[in-house]
Amino acid sequence: MRIANFSTWALAATLLLGACSKKNSEETEPDMVVPPDPGPIAASAADRVYLADQSSNTVSVHDPSTNRLLGVIRLGKGRPEFLSPLYDLESNVHGLGVSPDGKTLGVIATLTNAVIFIDLATNAVKGKVYVDRNPHEGFFTPDGKQFWVAVRGKDYVTVIDVEKMAVVKNIATEHEPSMVVFRPDGKVAFVDHSQTAMLDVIDVKKREVIARVPVVSKFSPNLVVTEDGQQVWMTHKDVGKVTVVNAQTYAVEGVIDTGPGTNHVNLAGPGGGTRFSGAAAGDFAYVTVGGENAVKVYSRQRQLLATIPVGPNPHGLWPNGDGSKLYVGLENGDALVSIDTKTNTKLTETGSGQAPQALLYVVKAGGGSPGSGGLEAFTPVAPVNIRLVPLGTPPVPGVGGGATIRPTEDVDELVLALKQLAPNTSYTLYLSDNKTTLVAPEPVITFKTDAEGKVEVNAYYQIRLRLPGRFAVVVLGDKNPAGAVTLTQP
């Protein structure tokens, strides 16, 4: 009996030790093997630019050596086809991340909660992983084995094992994480948020938050870490600012007033360029400022050096391999723009998929053999952009807004984005024969502003046919033609 009791105890102890060892091994990752900094890499015909197109639900593929749209990778139908209860494709193609070897593209569809992995040698989908509500942006770890994605509808970052195509961990963060990038040494990751004025710092090996950095506002859609591992630059779209954080001490170095609609940020300049896992090199930071249709250039010491007009509502941006050029997606222009970073001037503009969001420049895509198959032909159509300003005043950045109208698969899409109206108030967008008073008014859409006087709404119907000879006018009230004209075309 004593022998039996001892054996039982020993077995139980062994199982307990094994369980503890397994628990520890699951909670702490082994040391990551980080690839060396490749340094500046000259442009080649094997490079590609990829854009996530939110309205057409495609990934546009461009050859930067010829400034040509090669085609699109179709992941879903264009808006508003996804409203069908039988729809089983992807919607709101939005975020992008590329593996360090340039062979695999991770694509995030926010509305269908999908992370899609694409083989860049064939442009074929190699796998999909469905995560929780509203993933936004993500990136591969520096060793390429995992893909971390910020789940904006929750309070964690999801870790995906790329080989297994499976979720292996959710890392708790502040509410509504927005994006995750890695310091080039692979030791920490940085996470900003959409509803929390905080930058989270995650220990990659332990997979837990080790520091929280208070920042200037709750809405940060984008961030980048410098290749030297010294700084994190993060944008604040709601207040038009950029915060610069020391990536070693986690102290805020400064805040820049960049302008309304500040969206994405990246590094570039001669000798710089794209690296891996959300890092970039260069002496200059480039910031898309959608409310001013411009890209602004800053020194690493936060001094404004240049403002580059680029086109309607610039969104994502990424440098090429040596930092000599920067590529920018125009969300309201459905186009790709290139910038010479030596002269800080716009070089080219090429039509692309609809409503481009995230953008990546991939050096030697597909491992140096980017695929030409698997692409669908796409004919870009330039959208119509209508500026709306307060009646009787000249245009002021950040006041009013505008409407973007583009053809979708069967109807037109109208995206109306306005700011600084009366809070919690109903308005109606009309078409009118006169821009100061309503004449033969046709209501387009009624909307209500939020507590800050902002609104962004979509409408779908045949509106482009009704535009010739008419003006867009915003009137106070719910379909009240006698209401006061508040915004009109300049």
Protein backbone atom coordinates (compact mmCIF):
# COMPACT_ATOMS: atom_id res chain seq x y z
CA MET A 1 0.00 0.00 0.00
CA ARG A 2 2.86 2.32 0.83
CA ILE A 3 4.41 1.64 -2.56
CA ALA A 4 1.14 2.36 -4.28
CA ASN A 5 0.74 5.63 -2.36
CA PHE A 6 4.30 6.71 -3.19
CA SER A 7 3.78 5.86 -6.86
CA THR A 8 0.56 7.83 -6.93
CA TRP A 9 2.27 10.82 -5.29
CA ALA A 10 5.21 10.64 -7.68
CA LEU A 11 2.92 10.45 -10.68
CA ALA A 12 0.92 13.40 -9.44
CA ALA A 13 4.09 15.42 -8.83
CA THR A 14 5.37 14.58 -12.30
CA LEU A 15 2.10 15.65 -13.90
CA LEU A 16 2.08 18.87 -11.87
CA LEU A 17 5.65 19.71 -12.84
CA GLY A 18 4.87 18.92 -16.44
CA ALA A 19 1.79 21.13 -16.38
CA CYS A 20 3.79 23.99 -14.82
CA SER A 21 6.55 23.60 -17.41
CA LYS A 22 3.97 23.58 -20.18
CA LYS A 23 2.24 26.66 -18.73
CA ASN A 24 5.55 28.53 -18.48
CA SER A 25 6.57 27.56 -21.99
CA GLU A 26 3.21 28.76 -23.30
CA GLU A 27 3.44 32.11 -21.50
CA THR A 28 7.08 32.88 -22.32
CA GLU A 29 8.33 32.75 -25.88
CA PRO A 30 11.89 31.60 -26.68
CA ASP A 31 14.38 34.24 -27.73
CA MET A 32 13.55 35.52 -31.19
CA VAL A 33 16.06 35.26 -34.01
CA VAL A 34 15.94 38.70 -35.60
CA PRO A 35 17.22 39.23 -39.15
CA PRO A 36 20.01 41.79 -39.55
CA ASP A 37 19.26 45.26 -40.87
CA PRO A 38 19.52 44.90 -44.67
CA GLY A 39 20.42 48.58 -45.03
CA PRO A 40 19.30 50.64 -48.02
CA ILE A 41 18.28 48.54 -51.03
CA ALA A 42 18.08 50.10 -54.48
CA ALA A 43 14.79 49.87 -56.35
CA SER A 44 14.33 47.00 -58.80
CA ALA A 45 11.73 45.58 -61.18
CA ALA A 46 10.93 42.94 -58.54
CA ASP A 47 9.59 45.56 -56.09
CA ARG A 48 5.85 46.03 -55.66
CA VAL A 49 3.49 48.49 -53.98
CA TYR A 50 0.33 47.07 -52.40
CA LEU A 51 -2.73 49.08 -51.35
CA ALA A 52 -5.70 47.87 -49.30
CA ASP A 53 -8.83 49.13 -51.09
CA GLN A 54 -11.72 49.49 -48.67
CA SER A 55 -14.56 50.20 -51.12
CA SER A 56 -13.65 47.76 -53.90
CA ASN A 57 -12.47 45.13 -51.37
CA THR A 58 -9.33 44.48 -53.34
CA VAL A 59 -5.57 44.73 -52.93
CA SER A 60 -4.10 46.85 -55.72
CA VAL A 61 -0.73 45.71 -57.05
CA HIS A 62 1.58 48.31 -58.62
CA ASP A 63 4.95 48.01 -60.33
CA PRO A 64 6.85 51.10 -59.11
CA SER A 65 9.55 50.67 -61.74
CA THR A 66 6.99 51.42 -64.46
CA ASN A 67 4.40 53.34 -62.40
CA ARG A 68 1.76 50.89 -63.62
CA LEU A 69 -1.21 49.24 -61.96
CA LEU A 70 -0.76 45.54 -62.72
CA GLY A 71 -4.18 44.52 -61.42
CA VAL A 72 -5.95 43.72 -58.19
CA ILE A 73 -6.27 40.74 -55.88
CA ARG A 74 -10.02 40.36 -55.43
CA LEU A 75 -11.01 39.53 -51.82
CA GLY A 76 -14.66 40.60 -51.93
CA LYS A 77 -17.30 42.42 -53.93
CA GLY A 78 -17.40 46.20 -54.06
CA ARG A 79 -19.70 48.15 -51.79
CA PRO A 80 -22.61 47.78 -51.11
CA GLU A 81 -22.79 44.15 -52.29
CA PHE A 82 -21.62 42.92 -48.86
CA LEU A 83 -25.05 43.81 -47.38
CA SER A 84 -26.57 40.56 -48.68
CA PRO A 85 -27.29 37.93 -45.97
CA LEU A 86 -25.72 35.35 -48.30
CA TYR A 87 -22.44 37.26 -48.71
CA ASP A 88 -19.48 35.03 -47.82
CA LEU A 89 -16.47 37.04 -49.04
CA GLU A 90 -14.45 39.76 -47.27
CA SER A 91 -15.47 43.35 -46.54
CA ASN A 92 -13.61 46.55 -45.66
CA VAL A 93 -10.16 45.49 -46.84
CA HIS A 94 -8.11 47.87 -44.73
CA GLY A 95 -4.83 46.78 -43.08
CA LEU A 96 -1.59 45.33 -44.47
CA GLY A 97 1.55 43.71 -43.07
CA VAL A 98 4.35 41.91 -44.93
CA SER A 99 6.67 39.14 -43.77
CA PRO A 100 10.38 40.03 -43.34
CA ASP A 101 11.32 37.87 -46.35
CA GLY A 102 8.77 39.66 -48.56
CA LYS A 103 7.02 36.43 -49.48
CA THR A 104 3.72 36.73 -47.62
CA LEU A 105 1.26 39.59 -47.32
CA GLY A 106 -1.14 39.76 -44.39
CA VAL A 107 -4.37 41.57 -45.26
CA ILE A 108 -6.96 42.64 -42.67
CA ALA A 109 -10.66 42.96 -43.50
CA THR A 110 -12.20 44.91 -40.64
CA LEU A 111 -15.89 44.17 -41.24
CA THR A 112 -15.57 40.39 -41.68
CA ASN A 113 -12.93 40.06 -38.92
CA ALA A 114 -10.52 38.32 -41.27
CA VAL A 115 -6.74 38.11 -41.61
CA ILE A 116 -5.95 36.85 -45.11
CA PHE A 117 -2.47 35.59 -46.00
CA ILE A 118 -1.40 35.95 -49.64
CA ASP A 119 1.56 34.26 -51.35
CA LEU A 120 3.25 37.12 -53.23
CA ALA A 121 4.91 34.74 -55.70
CA THR A 122 1.48 33.65 -56.96
CA ASN A 123 -0.92 36.30 -55.59
CA ALA A 124 -2.99 33.39 -54.27
CA VAL A 125 -4.64 33.23 -50.85
CA LYS A 126 -2.72 30.68 -48.79
CA GLY A 127 -4.95 30.84 -45.73
CA LYS A 128 -7.40 32.85 -43.64
CA VAL A 129 -7.79 33.28 -39.90
CA TYR A 130 -10.93 34.81 -38.43
CA VAL A 131 -10.47 36.79 -35.23
CA ASP A 132 -12.71 38.86 -32.99
CA ARG A 133 -14.58 42.07 -33.69
CA ASN A 134 -13.07 44.71 -36.01
CA PRO A 135 -9.35 43.94 -36.42
CA HIS A 136 -7.58 47.01 -37.78
CA GLU A 137 -3.82 46.78 -38.43
CA GLY A 138 -1.17 44.14 -37.81
CA PHE A 139 2.36 43.02 -38.60
CA PHE A 140 4.59 39.99 -38.72
CA THR A 141 7.07 39.49 -35.91
CA PRO A 142 10.69 40.13 -36.95
CA ASP A 143 11.30 36.36 -37.26
CA GLY A 144 8.24 36.03 -39.52
CA LYS A 145 6.67 33.22 -37.47
CA GLN A 146 3.72 35.12 -36.04
CA PHE A 147 1.30 37.80 -37.15
CA TRP A 148 0.06 40.15 -34.43
CA VAL A 149 -3.17 42.04 -35.12
CA ALA A 150 -4.82 44.79 -33.09
CA VAL A 151 -8.47 43.89 -32.50
CA ARG A 152 -10.06 47.31 -32.36
CA GLY A 153 -13.48 46.09 -31.22
CA LYS A 154 -11.95 44.47 -28.14
CA ASP A 155 -9.12 45.06 -25.69
CA TYR A 156 -6.37 42.80 -26.91
CA VAL A 157 -3.84 42.01 -29.62
CA THR A 158 -4.34 38.61 -31.23
CA VAL A 159 -1.28 36.47 -32.01
CA ILE A 160 -1.53 34.19 -35.04
CA ASP A 161 0.84 31.28 -35.69
CA VAL A 162 1.46 31.72 -39.41
CA GLU A 163 2.50 28.11 -40.07
CA LYS A 164 -0.52 26.65 -38.25
CA MET A 165 -2.86 29.43 -39.44
CA ALA A 166 -4.32 29.55 -35.94
CA VAL A 167 -4.76 31.98 -33.05
CA VAL A 168 -2.40 31.08 -30.21
CA LYS A 169 -2.76 34.00 -27.81
CA ASN A 170 -4.69 37.17 -27.01
CA ILE A 171 -2.54 39.79 -25.26
CA ALA A 172 -4.55 42.15 -23.05
CA THR A 173 -4.18 45.87 -23.86
CA GLU A 174 -6.03 49.08 -23.20
CA HIS A 175 -9.46 49.42 -24.86
CA GLU A 176 -9.65 49.33 -28.68
CA PRO A 177 -6.07 48.71 -29.83
CA SER A 178 -5.49 50.15 -33.28
CA MET A 179 -2.09 49.03 -34.63
CA VAL A 180 0.95 47.04 -33.53
CA VAL A 181 4.57 47.40 -34.71
CA PHE A 182 7.82 45.91 -33.42
CA ARG A 183 11.05 47.49 -32.34
CA PRO A 184 13.71 46.11 -34.70
CA ASP A 185 15.45 44.15 -31.91
CA GLY A 186 12.28 42.09 -31.54
CA LYS A 187 12.11 42.61 -27.77
CA VAL A 188 9.10 44.93 -27.54
CA ALA A 189 6.00 45.81 -29.55
CA PHE A 190 4.15 49.11 -29.50
CA VAL A 191 0.35 49.37 -29.62
CA ASP A 192 -1.72 52.52 -30.04
CA HIS A 193 -5.50 52.77 -29.58
CA SER A 194 -8.69 54.18 -31.05
CA GLN A 195 -10.52 54.96 -27.79
CA THR A 196 -7.75 55.22 -25.18
CA ALA A 197 -5.15 57.98 -24.83
CA MET A 198 -2.35 55.50 -24.22
CA LEU A 199 0.57 53.79 -25.95
CA ASP A 200 1.06 50.22 -24.70
CA VAL A 201 4.51 48.62 -24.66
CA ILE A 202 4.47 44.82 -24.85
CA ASP A 203 7.31 42.49 -23.85
CA VAL A 204 7.35 40.17 -26.88
CA LYS A 205 8.90 37.21 -25.05
CA LYS A 206 6.53 37.38 -22.08
CA ARG A 207 3.63 38.57 -24.26
CA GLU A 208 2.38 41.08 -21.71
CA VAL A 209 2.20 44.87 -21.34
CA ILE A 210 5.20 46.21 -19.41
CA ALA A 211 4.59 49.96 -19.76
CA ARG A 212 1.79 52.38 -20.57
CA VAL A 213 2.55 55.84 -21.95
CA PRO A 214 -0.17 58.53 -21.66
CA VAL A 215 -0.56 60.47 -24.93
CA VAL A 216 -2.41 63.57 -26.09
CA SER A 217 -5.64 62.03 -27.43
CA LYS A 218 -7.62 58.80 -27.53
CA PHE A 219 -7.66 58.24 -31.30
CA SER A 220 -4.39 57.10 -32.85
CA PRO A 221 -4.81 55.17 -36.13
CA ASN A 222 -1.16 54.66 -37.02
CA LEU A 223 2.41 54.46 -35.74
CA VAL A 224 5.93 53.63 -36.92
CA VAL A 225 9.14 52.75 -35.11
CA THR A 226 12.51 54.02 -36.36
CA GLU A 227 15.02 51.46 -37.59
CA ASP A 228 17.60 52.58 -35.02
CA GLY A 229 15.12 51.60 -32.30
CA GLN A 230 15.13 55.08 -30.76
CA GLN A 231 11.72 56.58 -31.54
CA VAL A 232 8.05 55.78 -32.06
CA TRP A 233 5.99 58.27 -34.06
CA MET A 234 2.20 57.98 -33.64
CA THR A 235 -0.62 60.01 -35.17
CA HIS A 236 -3.76 61.46 -33.56
CA LYS A 237 -6.44 61.88 -36.22
CA ASP A 238 -9.04 63.43 -33.94
CA VAL A 239 -6.89 66.39 -32.87
CA GLY A 240 -4.43 66.70 -35.79
CA LYS A 241 -1.24 65.93 -33.90
CA VAL A 242 1.72 63.53 -33.81
CA THR A 243 3.36 62.27 -30.61
CA VAL A 244 7.02 61.21 -30.60
CA VAL A 245 7.99 58.69 -27.91
CA ASN A 246 11.45 57.48 -26.94
CA ALA A 247 11.42 53.78 -27.88
CA GLN A 248 13.96 52.89 -25.16
CA THR A 249 12.79 54.88 -22.11
CA TYR A 250 9.12 55.24 -23.19
CA ALA A 251 9.17 58.95 -22.35
CA VAL A 252 7.27 61.39 -24.58
CA GLU A 253 9.82 63.53 -26.45
CA GLY A 254 7.29 65.96 -27.90
CA VAL A 255 3.97 66.60 -29.63
CA ILE A 256 3.58 68.23 -33.06
CA ASP A 257 0.56 70.12 -34.37
CA THR A 258 0.33 68.59 -37.84
CA GLY A 259 -3.16 69.50 -39.08
CA PRO A 260 -6.75 68.24 -39.48
CA GLY A 261 -7.16 64.65 -40.53
CA THR A 262 -3.61 63.63 -39.60
CA ASN A 263 -3.58 59.93 -40.47
CA HIS A 264 -0.42 57.89 -41.20
CA VAL A 265 3.28 58.49 -40.55
CA ASN A 266 6.48 56.92 -41.86
CA LEU A 267 10.23 57.50 -42.20
CA ALA A 268 12.18 58.09 -45.40
CA GLY A 269 15.02 60.05 -46.93
CA PRO A 270 18.26 59.17 -48.73
CA GLY A 271 19.92 56.20 -47.07
CA GLY A 272 16.70 55.22 -45.31
CA GLY A 273 13.80 53.14 -46.51
CA THR A 274 11.48 50.31 -45.55
CA ARG A 275 12.68 47.60 -43.17
CA PHE A 276 10.61 44.87 -41.46
CA SER A 277 7.80 44.48 -38.91
CA GLY A 278 6.64 48.08 -39.08
CA ALA A 279 10.03 49.79 -38.90
CA ALA A 280 11.54 52.25 -41.36
CA ALA A 281 14.80 54.17 -41.63
CA GLY A 282 15.45 57.75 -42.61
CA ASP A 283 16.22 61.20 -41.27
CA PHE A 284 12.73 62.54 -42.04
CA ALA A 285 9.20 61.74 -40.94
CA TYR A 286 6.38 62.04 -43.46
CA VAL A 287 2.80 62.57 -42.26
CA THR A 288 -0.40 62.38 -44.31
CA VAL A 289 -2.75 65.27 -43.43
CA GLY A 290 -6.07 64.45 -45.06
CA GLY A 291 -7.77 67.74 -44.20
CA GLU A 292 -5.13 69.65 -46.14
CA ASN A 293 -4.64 67.14 -49.00
CA ALA A 294 -0.94 67.19 -48.19
CA VAL A 295 2.03 65.26 -46.84
CA LYS A 296 4.10 67.14 -44.28
CA VAL A 297 7.79 66.51 -43.74
CA TYR A 298 9.51 66.78 -40.33
CA SER A 299 13.02 66.30 -39.04
CA ARG A 300 13.59 63.66 -36.36
CA GLN A 301 13.79 66.68 -34.02
CA ARG A 302 10.15 67.53 -34.94
CA GLN A 303 10.82 70.60 -37.11
CA LEU A 304 8.52 71.17 -40.11
CA LEU A 305 10.62 71.12 -43.28
CA ALA A 306 8.14 70.93 -46.15
CA THR A 307 4.47 70.61 -47.10
CA ILE A 308 3.78 68.61 -50.26
CA PRO A 309 0.37 68.92 -51.98
CA VAL A 310 -0.55 65.43 -53.19
CA GLY A 311 -4.31 65.17 -53.81
CA PRO A 312 -7.59 64.34 -52.10
CA ASN A 313 -7.28 62.85 -48.62
CA PRO A 314 -3.88 61.10 -48.49
CA HIS A 315 -4.00 58.07 -46.19
CA GLY A 316 -1.32 55.33 -46.15
CA LEU A 317 2.31 55.90 -47.07
CA TRP A 318 5.51 53.83 -47.25
CA PRO A 319 9.11 54.38 -48.46
CA ASN A 320 10.92 52.30 -51.03
CA GLY A 321 14.01 50.26 -50.19
CA ASP A 322 16.54 53.09 -50.06
CA GLY A 323 14.25 55.91 -48.91
CA SER A 324 14.67 57.90 -52.11
CA LYS A 325 10.96 57.72 -52.87
CA LEU A 326 7.80 57.65 -50.83
CA TYR A 327 4.48 56.21 -52.01
CA VAL A 328 1.13 57.60 -50.85
CA GLY A 329 -2.42 56.35 -51.33
CA LEU A 330 -5.16 58.92 -51.98
CA GLU A 331 -8.26 57.68 -50.17
CA ASN A 332 -10.58 60.11 -51.95
CA GLY A 333 -8.62 60.09 -55.19
CA ASP A 334 -8.40 56.31 -55.74
CA ALA A 335 -4.79 56.72 -56.78
CA LEU A 336 -1.15 56.05 -55.88
CA VAL A 337 1.25 59.00 -55.69
CA SER A 338 5.06 58.92 -55.61
CA ILE A 339 7.25 61.56 -53.94
CA ASP A 340 10.92 62.35 -54.48
CA THR A 341 12.31 62.59 -50.94
CA LYS A 342 15.37 64.55 -52.03
CA THR A 343 13.33 67.44 -53.44
CA ASN A 344 10.10 66.69 -51.52
CA THR A 345 8.02 67.04 -54.66
CA LYS A 346 5.23 64.93 -56.12
CA LEU A 347 6.43 62.86 -59.07
CA THR A 348 3.63 60.65 -60.39
CA GLU A 349 -0.02 59.75 -59.87
CA THR A 350 -1.47 56.40 -60.98
CA GLY A 351 -5.08 55.25 -60.75
CA SER A 352 -5.73 52.44 -58.30
CA GLY A 353 -8.45 50.54 -56.43
CA GLN A 354 -11.22 52.31 -54.57
CA ALA A 355 -10.67 54.08 -51.21
CA PRO A 356 -7.08 52.91 -50.54
CA GLN A 357 -6.22 52.67 -46.85
CA ALA A 358 -2.98 50.97 -45.74
CA LEU A 359 -0.07 50.88 -48.20
CA LEU A 360 3.13 48.82 -48.29
CA TYR A 361 6.22 48.97 -50.45
CA VAL A 362 7.73 45.47 -50.65
CA VAL A 363 11.34 45.08 -51.72
CA LYS A 364 11.84 42.00 -53.93
CA ALA A 365 8.27 40.86 -53.48
CA GLY A 366 7.68 37.13 -53.50
CA GLY A 367 11.31 36.59 -52.54
CA GLY A 368 12.43 38.36 -55.72
CA SER A 369 9.87 36.72 -58.00
CA PRO A 370 6.59 38.62 -57.68
CA GLY A 371 3.75 36.79 -59.35
CA SER A 372 1.92 38.14 -62.38
CA GLY A 373 -0.87 35.58 -62.14
CA GLY A 374 -3.87 35.73 -59.85
CA LEU A 375 -4.53 39.38 -60.70
CA GLU A 376 -7.84 40.73 -61.92
CA ALA A 377 -7.84 43.57 -64.43
CA PHE A 378 -9.11 46.81 -62.95
CA THR A 379 -9.94 50.07 -64.71
CA PRO A 380 -9.71 52.99 -62.29
CA VAL A 381 -12.33 55.75 -62.48
CA ALA A 382 -11.43 59.00 -60.76
CA PRO A 383 -13.98 59.88 -58.07
CA VAL A 384 -15.79 63.20 -57.88
CA ASN A 385 -14.79 65.25 -54.83
CA ILE A 386 -17.02 68.09 -53.63
CA ARG A 387 -15.70 70.55 -51.05
CA LEU A 388 -18.28 71.84 -48.56
CA VAL A 389 -17.64 75.04 -46.58
CA PRO A 390 -19.71 77.35 -44.35
CA LEU A 391 -21.99 79.59 -46.36
CA GLY A 392 -20.47 83.01 -47.02
CA THR A 393 -16.92 82.20 -45.84
CA PRO A 394 -13.74 81.09 -47.63
CA PRO A 395 -12.60 77.46 -47.14
CA VAL A 396 -10.96 76.82 -43.76
CA PRO A 397 -9.01 73.58 -43.11
CA GLY A 398 -10.89 71.43 -40.61
CA VAL A 399 -14.22 73.27 -40.95
CA GLY A 400 -16.96 71.67 -43.02
CA GLY A 401 -15.58 68.82 -45.09
CA GLY A 402 -16.66 67.22 -48.30
CA ALA A 403 -18.30 64.44 -50.26
CA THR A 404 -16.58 61.79 -52.37
CA ILE A 405 -18.63 60.07 -55.08
CA ARG A 406 -17.38 56.98 -56.91
CA PRO A 407 -19.02 54.26 -59.04
CA THR A 408 -19.27 50.88 -57.35
CA GLU A 409 -20.38 47.62 -58.96
CA ASP A 410 -24.00 48.63 -59.56
CA VAL A 411 -24.59 52.05 -57.99
CA ASP A 412 -22.63 55.07 -56.84
CA GLU A 413 -21.06 55.39 -53.41
CA LEU A 414 -21.23 58.75 -51.66
CA VAL A 415 -18.99 59.24 -48.61
CA LEU A 416 -19.87 62.38 -46.65
CA ALA A 417 -17.38 63.51 -43.98
CA LEU A 418 -18.02 66.76 -42.08
CA LYS A 419 -16.66 68.46 -38.95
CA GLN A 420 -17.42 71.40 -36.67
CA LEU A 421 -21.18 71.42 -37.14
CA ALA A 422 -23.61 71.74 -34.22
CA PRO A 423 -23.36 68.66 -31.98
CA ASN A 424 -26.14 66.06 -31.90
CA THR A 425 -28.03 67.88 -34.66
CA SER A 426 -29.86 66.66 -37.77
CA TYR A 427 -28.94 67.96 -41.22
CA THR A 428 -29.82 67.00 -44.79
CA LEU A 429 -27.59 66.97 -47.86
CA TYR A 430 -29.47 68.24 -50.92
CA LEU A 431 -28.75 68.73 -54.59
CA SER A 432 -29.89 72.20 -55.62
CA ASP A 433 -29.89 74.40 -58.72
CA ASN A 434 -28.48 77.22 -56.55
CA LYS A 435 -25.68 76.96 -54.00
CA THR A 436 -26.87 79.64 -51.58
CA THR A 437 -30.59 78.81 -51.44
CA LEU A 438 -32.50 75.64 -52.25
CA VAL A 439 -33.90 75.63 -55.77
CA ALA A 440 -35.54 72.44 -57.07
CA PRO A 441 -34.08 70.59 -54.08
CA GLU A 442 -33.47 66.84 -54.15
CA PRO A 443 -32.64 65.28 -50.76
CA VAL A 444 -29.70 62.89 -50.85
CA ILE A 445 -29.22 61.80 -47.24
CA THR A 446 -30.24 62.94 -43.76
CA PHE A 447 -27.72 62.53 -40.96
CA LYS A 448 -27.12 63.45 -37.33
CA THR A 449 -23.81 64.71 -35.96
CA ASP A 450 -22.14 63.24 -32.90
CA ALA A 451 -21.38 64.99 -29.60
CA GLU A 452 -18.38 66.71 -31.24
CA GLY A 453 -20.29 67.96 -34.29
CA LYS A 454 -18.76 65.37 -36.63
CA VAL A 455 -20.27 62.86 -39.02
CA GLU A 456 -19.14 60.32 -41.62
CA VAL A 457 -21.90 58.52 -43.51
CA ASN A 458 -22.30 56.60 -46.76
CA ALA A 459 -25.15 56.60 -49.26
CA TYR A 460 -25.66 54.38 -52.31
CA TYR A 461 -27.72 55.29 -55.38
CA GLN A 462 -27.31 56.76 -58.87
CA ILE A 463 -26.11 60.22 -57.86
CA ARG A 464 -23.49 60.99 -60.52
CA LEU A 465 -26.21 61.24 -63.20
CA ARG A 466 -27.83 64.01 -61.16
CA LEU A 467 -24.71 66.14 -60.61
CA PRO A 468 -24.37 68.18 -63.84
CA GLY A 469 -25.52 71.75 -63.27
CA ARG A 470 -26.36 71.16 -59.62
CA PHE A 471 -24.74 72.00 -56.27
CA ALA A 472 -24.34 70.05 -53.05
CA VAL A 473 -25.85 71.94 -50.12
CA VAL A 474 -26.15 70.98 -46.44
CA VAL A 475 -29.29 72.30 -44.75
CA LEU A 476 -30.23 72.31 -41.09
CA GLY A 477 -33.01 69.86 -40.20
CA ASP A 478 -34.41 66.50 -41.24
CA LYS A 479 -35.49 66.94 -44.87
CA ASN A 480 -36.64 70.48 -44.18
CA PRO A 481 -36.27 72.59 -47.36
CA ALA A 482 -36.98 75.70 -45.32
CA GLY A 483 -34.01 75.03 -43.06
CA ALA A 484 -30.97 77.27 -43.02
CA VAL A 485 -28.23 76.56 -45.56
CA THR A 486 -25.20 75.64 -43.45
CA LEU A 487 -22.60 74.30 -45.89
CA THR A 488 -22.23 74.77 -49.62
CA GLN A 489 -19.71 74.48 -52.41
CA PRO A 490 -17.15 77.30 -52.53
